Amino acid sequence: MRYAMVRELITPVNNKYILNLPDEMIGKTVEVIAFEVDSKEDVLKVKPTQNIQDIKERYSRYPIISHDNYQFNRDEANDYE
């Protein structure tokens, strides 16, 4: 199932706003939420991407787990006795 989403950041000049919905939403129940944000800059800030070395250092303290040799046995999983 694919969901469509509309997100708009606006600074209203009055208490009415017209929202154009995509065709995928026509005839469906949609939820419209409006709330105040501190500033447009805070919402649009994207955290800088981490480089691969930072990620390796963060996760190096955890044990390495491999599921290469795992094989699911449906009969064993359904054996309730």
PDB file of N, CA and C in Angstrom:
ATOM      1  N   MET A   1       0.847  -1.169   0.000  1.00  0.00           N
ATOM      2  CA  MET A   1       0.000   0.000   0.000  1.00  0.00           C
ATOM      3  C   MET A   1       0.900   1.243   0.000  1.00  0.00           C
ATOM      4  N   ARG A   2       0.634   2.143  -0.889  1.00  0.00           N
ATOM      5  CA  ARG A   2       1.414   3.367  -0.989  1.00  0.00           C
ATOM      6  C   ARG A   2       0.612   4.524  -0.419  1.00  0.00           C
ATOM      7  N   TYR A   3       1.239   5.323   0.423  1.00  0.00           N
ATOM      8  CA  TYR A   3       0.578   6.463   1.023  1.00  0.00           C
ATOM      9  C   TYR A   3       1.124   7.740   0.418  1.00  0.00           C
ATOM     10  N   ALA A   4       0.244   8.678   0.160  1.00  0.00           N
ATOM     11  CA  ALA A   4       0.659   9.997  -0.299  1.00  0.00           C
ATOM     12  C   ALA A   4       0.687  10.915   0.908  1.00  0.00           C
ATOM     13  N   MET A   5       1.568  11.879   0.875  1.00  0.00           N
ATOM     14  CA  MET A   5       1.679  12.813   1.984  1.00  0.00           C
ATOM     15  C   MET A   5       1.890  14.210   1.421  1.00  0.00           C
ATOM     16  N   VAL A   6       1.276  15.166   2.044  1.00  0.00           N
ATOM     17  CA  VAL A   6       1.457  16.564   1.679  1.00  0.00           C
ATOM     18  C   VAL A   6       1.955  17.280   2.918  1.00  0.00           C
ATOM     19  N   ARG A   7       3.034  18.023   2.770  1.00  0.00           N
ATOM     20  CA  ARG A   7       3.541  18.816   3.889  1.00  0.00           C
ATOM     21  C   ARG A   7       3.886  20.189   3.360  1.00  0.00           C
ATOM     22  N   GLU A   8       3.340  21.189   3.971  1.00  0.00           N
ATOM     23  CA  GLU A   8       3.603  22.555   3.556  1.00  0.00           C
ATOM     24  C   GLU A   8       3.890  23.398   4.780  1.00  0.00           C
ATOM     25  N   LEU A   9       4.918  24.223   4.706  1.00  0.00           N
ATOM     26  CA  LEU A   9       5.220  25.188   5.756  1.00  0.00           C
ATOM     27  C   LEU A   9       4.785  26.548   5.244  1.00  0.00           C
ATOM     28  N   ILE A  10       3.883  27.167   5.963  1.00  0.00           N
ATOM     29  CA  ILE A  10       3.346  28.447   5.519  1.00  0.00           C
ATOM     30  C   ILE A  10       3.402  29.457   6.645  1.00  0.00           C
ATOM     31  N   THR A  11       3.296  30.719   6.294  1.00  0.00           N
ATOM     32  CA  THR A  11       3.078  31.793   7.250  1.00  0.00           C
ATOM     33  C   THR A  11       1.772  32.447   6.838  1.00  0.00           C
ATOM     34  N   PRO A  12       0.671  32.080   7.484  1.00  0.00           N
ATOM     35  CA  PRO A  12      -0.628  32.576   7.044  1.00  0.00           C
ATOM     36  C   PRO A  12      -0.781  34.076   7.286  1.00  0.00           C
ATOM     37  N   VAL A  13      -1.527  34.710   6.395  1.00  0.00           N
ATOM     38  CA  VAL A  13      -1.818  36.138   6.551  1.00  0.00           C
ATOM     39  C   VAL A  13      -3.245  36.342   7.050  1.00  0.00           C
ATOM     40  N   ASN A  14      -4.046  35.284   7.026  1.00  0.00           N
ATOM     41  CA  ASN A  14      -5.384  35.315   7.625  1.00  0.00           C
ATOM     42  C   ASN A  14      -5.726  33.898   8.089  1.00  0.00           C
ATOM     43  N   ASN A  15      -6.955  33.680   8.523  1.00  0.00           N
ATOM     44  CA  ASN A  15      -7.288  32.374   9.103  1.00  0.00           C
ATOM     45  C   ASN A  15      -7.863  31.380   8.095  1.00  0.00           C
ATOM     46  N   LYS A  16      -7.726  31.628   6.797  1.00  0.00           N
ATOM     47  CA  LYS A  16      -8.192  30.690   5.779  1.00  0.00           C
ATOM     48  C   LYS A  16      -7.015  30.251   4.924  1.00  0.00           C
ATOM     49  N   TYR A  17      -7.022  28.964   4.567  1.00  0.00           N
ATOM     50  CA  TYR A  17      -5.950  28.415   3.737  1.00  0.00           C
ATOM     51  C   TYR A  17      -6.542  27.344   2.837  1.00  0.00           C
ATOM     52  N   ILE A  18      -6.198  27.363   1.568  1.00  0.00           N
ATOM     53  CA  ILE A  18      -6.668  26.361   0.628  1.00  0.00           C
ATOM     54  C   ILE A  18      -5.548  25.361   0.406  1.00  0.00           C
ATOM     55  N   LEU A  19      -5.861  24.097   0.595  1.00  0.00           N
ATOM     56  CA  LEU A  19      -4.888  23.022   0.454  1.00  0.00           C
ATOM     57  C   LEU A  19      -5.252  22.195  -0.764  1.00  0.00           C
ATOM     58  N   ASN A  20      -4.349  22.093  -1.722  1.00  0.00           N
ATOM     59  CA  ASN A  20      -4.564  21.269  -2.906  1.00  0.00           C
ATOM     60  C   ASN A  20      -4.032  19.871  -2.627  1.00  0.00           C
ATOM     61  N   LEU A  21      -4.919  18.881  -2.698  1.00  0.00           N
ATOM     62  CA  LEU A  21      -4.541  17.502  -2.414  1.00  0.00           C
ATOM     63  C   LEU A  21      -4.211  16.767  -3.708  1.00  0.00           C
ATOM     64  N   PRO A  22      -3.299  15.788  -3.625  1.00  0.00           N
ATOM     65  CA  PRO A  22      -2.999  14.988  -4.816  1.00  0.00           C
ATOM     66  C   PRO A  22      -4.181  14.101  -5.187  1.00  0.00           C
ATOM     67  N   ASP A  23      -4.226  13.692  -6.445  1.00  0.00           N
ATOM     68  CA  ASP A  23      -5.331  12.871  -6.941  1.00  0.00           C
ATOM     69  C   ASP A  23      -5.492  11.576  -6.152  1.00  0.00           C
ATOM     70  N   GLU A  24      -4.385  11.018  -5.608  1.00  0.00           N
ATOM     71  CA  GLU A  24      -4.461   9.759  -4.861  1.00  0.00           C
ATOM     72  C   GLU A  24      -5.324   9.880  -3.605  1.00  0.00           C
ATOM     73  N   MET A  25      -5.532  11.095  -3.111  1.00  0.00           N
ATOM     74  CA  MET A  25      -6.293  11.285  -1.875  1.00  0.00           C
ATOM     75  C   MET A  25      -7.772  11.535  -2.117  1.00  0.00           C
ATOM     76  N   ILE A  26      -8.159  11.745  -3.353  1.00  0.00           N
ATOM     77  CA  ILE A  26      -9.552  12.041  -3.655  1.00  0.00           C
ATOM     78  C   ILE A  26     -10.422  10.845  -3.275  1.00  0.00           C
ATOM     79  N   GLY A  27     -11.485  11.101  -2.521  1.00  0.00           N
ATOM     80  CA  GLY A  27     -12.412  10.057  -2.112  1.00  0.00           C
ATOM     81  C   GLY A  27     -11.974   9.286  -0.884  1.00  0.00           C
ATOM     82  N   LYS A  28     -10.826   9.643  -0.317  1.00  0.00           N
ATOM     83  CA  LYS A  28     -10.329   8.942   0.871  1.00  0.00           C
ATOM     84  C   LYS A  28     -10.418   9.858   2.079  1.00  0.00           C
ATOM     85  N   THR A  29     -10.400   9.268   3.258  1.00  0.00           N
ATOM     86  CA  THR A  29     -10.372  10.043   4.488  1.00  0.00           C
ATOM     87  C   THR A  29      -8.942  10.502   4.736  1.00  0.00           C
ATOM     88  N   VAL A  30      -8.761  11.796   4.931  1.00  0.00           N
ATOM     89  CA  VAL A  30      -7.431  12.342   5.190  1.00  0.00           C
ATOM     90  C   VAL A  30      -7.458  13.110   6.504  1.00  0.00           C
ATOM     91  N   GLU A  31      -6.315  13.209   7.120  1.00  0.00           N
ATOM     92  CA  GLU A  31      -6.180  13.953   8.372  1.00  0.00           C
ATOM     93  C   GLU A  31      -5.387  15.216   8.081  1.00  0.00           C
ATOM     94  N   VAL A  32      -5.901  16.338   8.538  1.00  0.00           N
ATOM     95  CA  VAL A  32      -5.223  17.617   8.371  1.00  0.00           C
ATOM     96  C   VAL A  32      -4.856  18.119   9.763  1.00  0.00           C
ATOM     97  N   ILE A  33      -3.575  18.390   9.970  1.00  0.00           N
ATOM     98  CA  ILE A  33      -3.090  18.853  11.269  1.00  0.00           C
ATOM     99  C   ILE A  33      -2.376  20.183  11.069  1.00  0.00           C
ATOM    100  N   ALA A  34      -2.665  21.140  11.910  1.00  0.00           N
ATOM    101  CA  ALA A  34      -1.968  22.423  11.852  1.00  0.00           C
ATOM    102  C   ALA A  34      -1.452  22.748  13.247  1.00  0.00           C
ATOM    103  N   PHE A  35      -0.177  23.091  13.340  1.00  0.00           N
ATOM    104  CA  PHE A  35       0.395  23.492  14.609  1.00  0.00           C
ATOM    105  C   PHE A  35       1.519  24.481  14.348  1.00  0.00           C
ATOM    106  N   GLU A  36       1.799  25.283  15.341  1.00  0.00           N
ATOM    107  CA  GLU A  36       2.826  26.313  15.212  1.00  0.00           C
ATOM    108  C   GLU A  36       4.203  25.697  15.433  1.00  0.00           C
ATOM    109  N   VAL A  37       5.167  26.096  14.615  1.00  0.00           N
ATOM    110  CA  VAL A  37       6.551  25.674  14.799  1.00  0.00           C
ATOM    111  C   VAL A  37       7.356  26.887  15.231  1.00  0.00           C
ATOM    112  N   ASP A  38       8.477  26.633  15.915  1.00  0.00           N
ATOM    113  CA  ASP A  38       9.276  27.742  16.434  1.00  0.00           C
ATOM    114  C   ASP A  38       9.753  28.670  15.331  1.00  0.00           C
ATOM    115  N   SER A  39      10.353  28.091  14.315  1.00  0.00           N
ATOM    116  CA  SER A  39      10.792  28.909  13.183  1.00  0.00           C
ATOM    117  C   SER A  39      10.956  28.014  11.976  1.00  0.00           C
ATOM    118  N   LYS A  40      10.863  28.610  10.823  1.00  0.00           N
ATOM    119  CA  LYS A  40      10.986  27.841   9.585  1.00  0.00           C
ATOM    120  C   LYS A  40      12.374  27.228   9.477  1.00  0.00           C
ATOM    121  N   GLU A  41      13.377  27.923   9.957  1.00  0.00           N
ATOM    122  CA  GLU A  41      14.746  27.415   9.884  1.00  0.00           C
ATOM    123  C   GLU A  41      14.924  26.155  10.724  1.00  0.00           C
ATOM    124  N   ASP A  42      14.306  26.113  11.918  1.00  0.00           N
ATOM    125  CA  ASP A  42      14.432  24.936  12.782  1.00  0.00           C
ATOM    126  C   ASP A  42      13.826  23.703  12.135  1.00  0.00           C
ATOM    127  N   VAL A  43      12.714  23.866  11.453  1.00  0.00           N
ATOM    128  CA  VAL A  43      12.038  22.740  10.830  1.00  0.00           C
ATOM    129  C   VAL A  43      12.816  22.253   9.622  1.00  0.00           C
ATOM    130  N   LEU A  44      13.423  23.147   8.889  1.00  0.00           N
ATOM    131  CA  LEU A  44      14.088  22.773   7.654  1.00  0.00           C
ATOM    132  C   LEU A  44      15.529  22.328   7.846  1.00  0.00           C
ATOM    133  N   LYS A  45      16.071  22.482   9.051  1.00  0.00           N
ATOM    134  CA  LYS A  45      17.455  22.074   9.288  1.00  0.00           C
ATOM    135  C   LYS A  45      17.592  20.574   9.109  1.00  0.00           C
ATOM    136  N   VAL A  46      18.551  20.181   8.346  1.00  0.00           N
ATOM    137  CA  VAL A  46      18.826  18.768   8.134  1.00  0.00           C
ATOM    138  C   VAL A  46      20.127  18.452   8.850  1.00  0.00           C
ATOM    139  N   LYS A  47      20.127  17.395   9.624  1.00  0.00           N
ATOM    140  CA  LYS A  47      21.340  17.011  10.326  1.00  0.00           C
ATOM    141  C   LYS A  47      22.387  16.583   9.305  1.00  0.00           C
ATOM    142  N   PRO A  48      23.628  16.953   9.521  1.00  0.00           N
ATOM    143  CA  PRO A  48      24.655  16.554   8.559  1.00  0.00           C
ATOM    144  C   PRO A  48      24.805  15.038   8.526  1.00  0.00           C
ATOM    145  N   THR A  49      25.057  14.530   7.353  1.00  0.00           N
ATOM    146  CA  THR A  49      25.223  13.084   7.239  1.00  0.00           C
ATOM    147  C   THR A  49      26.512  12.662   7.920  1.00  0.00           C
ATOM    148  N   GLN A  50      26.473  11.523   8.534  1.00  0.00           N
ATOM    149  CA  GLN A  50      27.656  10.998   9.201  1.00  0.00           C
ATOM    150  C   GLN A  50      28.520  10.285   8.181  1.00  0.00           C
ATOM    151  N   ASN A  51      29.804  10.366   8.386  1.00  0.00           N
ATOM    152  CA  ASN A  51      30.653   9.604   7.479  1.00  0.00           C
ATOM    153  C   ASN A  51      30.740   8.163   7.988  1.00  0.00           C
ATOM    154  N   ILE A  52      31.213   7.305   7.141  1.00  0.00           N
ATOM    155  CA  ILE A  52      31.226   5.871   7.450  1.00  0.00           C
ATOM    156  C   ILE A  52      32.096   5.559   8.665  1.00  0.00           C
ATOM    157  N   GLN A  53      33.148   6.320   8.871  1.00  0.00           N
ATOM    158  CA  GLN A  53      34.029   6.091  10.020  1.00  0.00           C
ATOM    159  C   GLN A  53      33.292   6.362  11.336  1.00  0.00           C
ATOM    160  N   ASP A  54      32.491   7.428  11.386  1.00  0.00           N
ATOM    161  CA  ASP A  54      31.710   7.725  12.587  1.00  0.00           C
ATOM    162  C   ASP A  54      30.749   6.583  12.907  1.00  0.00           C
ATOM    163  N   ILE A  55      30.125   6.056  11.886  1.00  0.00           N
ATOM    164  CA  ILE A  55      29.176   4.957  12.088  1.00  0.00           C
ATOM    165  C   ILE A  55      29.903   3.708  12.565  1.00  0.00           C
ATOM    166  N   LYS A  56      31.044   3.391  11.978  1.00  0.00           N
ATOM    167  CA  LYS A  56      31.809   2.215  12.404  1.00  0.00           C
ATOM    168  C   LYS A  56      32.245   2.348  13.851  1.00  0.00           C
ATOM    169  N   GLU A  57      32.694   3.532  14.264  1.00  0.00           N
ATOM    170  CA  GLU A  57      33.129   3.733  15.649  1.00  0.00           C
ATOM    171  C   GLU A  57      31.963   3.578  16.617  1.00  0.00           C
ATOM    172  N   ARG A  58      30.813   4.087  16.254  1.00  0.00           N
ATOM    173  CA  ARG A  58      29.655   4.009  17.134  1.00  0.00           C
ATOM    174  C   ARG A  58      29.218   2.566  17.356  1.00  0.00           C
ATOM    175  N   TYR A  59      29.222   1.756  16.314  1.00  0.00           N
ATOM    176  CA  TYR A  59      28.704   0.399  16.419  1.00  0.00           C
ATOM    177  C   TYR A  59      29.778  -0.650  16.657  1.00  0.00           C
ATOM    178  N   SER A  60      31.035  -0.263  16.748  1.00  0.00           N
ATOM    179  CA  SER A  60      32.108  -1.239  16.944  1.00  0.00           C
ATOM    180  C   SER A  60      32.060  -1.885  18.326  1.00  0.00           C
ATOM    181  N   ARG A  61      31.417  -1.264  19.287  1.00  0.00           N
ATOM    182  CA  ARG A  61      31.361  -1.841  20.637  1.00  0.00           C
ATOM    183  C   ARG A  61      30.345  -2.967  20.755  1.00  0.00           C
ATOM    184  N   TYR A  62      29.486  -3.121  19.751  1.00  0.00           N
ATOM    185  CA  TYR A  62      28.486  -4.186  19.779  1.00  0.00           C
ATOM    186  C   TYR A  62      29.043  -5.440  19.119  1.00  0.00           C
ATOM    187  N   PRO A  63      28.606  -6.611  19.570  1.00  0.00           N
ATOM    188  CA  PRO A  63      29.108  -7.845  18.948  1.00  0.00           C
ATOM    189  C   PRO A  63      28.623  -7.973  17.508  1.00  0.00           C
ATOM    190  N   ILE A  64      29.448  -8.591  16.689  1.00  0.00           N
ATOM    191  CA  ILE A  64      29.081  -8.826  15.301  1.00  0.00           C
ATOM    192  C   ILE A  64      28.278 -10.118  15.242  1.00  0.00           C
ATOM    193  N   ILE A  65      27.100 -10.039  14.680  1.00  0.00           N
ATOM    194  CA  ILE A  65      26.204 -11.189  14.586  1.00  0.00           C
ATOM    195  C   ILE A  65      25.973 -11.485  13.112  1.00  0.00           C
ATOM    196  N   SER A  66      26.083 -12.748  12.763  1.00  0.00           N
ATOM    197  CA  SER A  66      25.853 -13.148  11.385  1.00  0.00           C
ATOM    198  C   SER A  66      24.742 -14.185  11.336  1.00  0.00           C
ATOM    199  N   HIS A  67      23.863 -14.030  10.377  1.00  0.00           N
ATOM    200  CA  HIS A  67      22.780 -14.987  10.172  1.00  0.00           C
ATOM    201  C   HIS A  67      22.984 -15.740   8.858  1.00  0.00           C
ATOM    202  N   ASP A  68      24.215 -15.785   8.390  1.00  0.00           N
ATOM    203  CA  ASP A  68      24.517 -16.428   7.112  1.00  0.00           C
ATOM    204  C   ASP A  68      24.129 -17.900   7.095  1.00  0.00           C
ATOM    205  N   ASN A  69      24.347 -18.611   8.192  1.00  0.00           N
ATOM    206  CA  ASN A  69      24.084 -20.050   8.220  1.00  0.00           C
ATOM    207  C   ASN A  69      22.704 -20.399   8.763  1.00  0.00           C
ATOM    208  N   TYR A  70      21.891 -19.398   9.053  1.00  0.00           N
ATOM    209  CA  TYR A  70      20.557 -19.656   9.596  1.00  0.00           C
ATOM    210  C   TYR A  70      19.639 -20.153   8.492  1.00  0.00           C
ATOM    211  N   GLN A  71      18.846 -21.170   8.821  1.00  0.00           N
ATOM    212  CA  GLN A  71      17.867 -21.679   7.877  1.00  0.00           C
ATOM    213  C   GLN A  71      16.574 -21.919   8.632  1.00  0.00           C
ATOM    214  N   PHE A  72      15.503 -21.330   8.150  1.00  0.00           N
ATOM    215  CA  PHE A  72      14.203 -21.453   8.799  1.00  0.00           C
ATOM    216  C   PHE A  72      13.610 -22.820   8.505  1.00  0.00           C
ATOM    217  N   ASN A  73      13.142 -23.502   9.553  1.00  0.00           N
ATOM    218  CA  ASN A  73      12.516 -24.805   9.417  1.00  0.00           C
ATOM    219  C   ASN A  73      11.050 -24.651   9.807  1.00  0.00           C
ATOM    220  N   ARG A  74      10.180 -24.610   8.801  1.00  0.00           N
ATOM    221  CA  ARG A  74       8.766 -24.391   9.062  1.00  0.00           C
ATOM    222  C   ARG A  74       8.150 -25.507   9.903  1.00  0.00           C
ATOM    223  N   ASP A  75       8.548 -26.746   9.665  1.00  0.00           N
ATOM    224  CA  ASP A  75       8.022 -27.862  10.451  1.00  0.00           C
ATOM    225  C   ASP A  75       8.393 -27.725  11.923  1.00  0.00           C
ATOM    226  N   GLU A  76       9.611 -27.335  12.187  1.00  0.00           N
ATOM    227  CA  GLU A  76      10.056 -27.156  13.560  1.00  0.00           C
ATOM    228  C   GLU A  76       9.327 -25.982  14.219  1.00  0.00           C
ATOM    229  N   ALA A  77       9.089 -24.944  13.477  1.00  0.00           N
ATOM    230  CA  ALA A  77       8.412 -23.774  14.027  1.00  0.00           C
ATOM    231  C   ALA A  77       6.943 -24.061  14.367  1.00  0.00           C
ATOM    232  N   ASN A  78       6.340 -24.958  13.623  1.00  0.00           N
ATOM    233  CA  ASN A  78       4.943 -25.288  13.857  1.00  0.00           C
ATOM    234  C   ASN A  78       4.744 -26.520  14.732  1.00  0.00           C
ATOM    235  N   ASP A  79       5.792 -27.061  15.283  1.00  0.00           N
ATOM    236  CA  ASP A  79       5.721 -28.234  16.153  1.00  0.00           C
ATOM    237  C   ASP A  79       5.453 -27.777  17.582  1.00  0.00           C
ATOM    238  N   TYR A  80       4.203 -27.870  18.025  1.00  0.00           N
ATOM    239  CA  TYR A  80       3.819 -27.356  19.349  1.00  0.00           C
ATOM    240  C   TYR A  80       3.870 -28.420  20.436  1.00  0.00           C
ATOM    241  N   GLU A  81       4.226 -29.657  20.118  1.00  0.00           N
ATOM    242  CA  GLU A  81       4.220 -30.719  21.115  1.00  0.00           C
ATOM    243  C   GLU A  81       5.516 -30.822  21.847  1.00  0.00           C
TER     244      GLU A  81
END
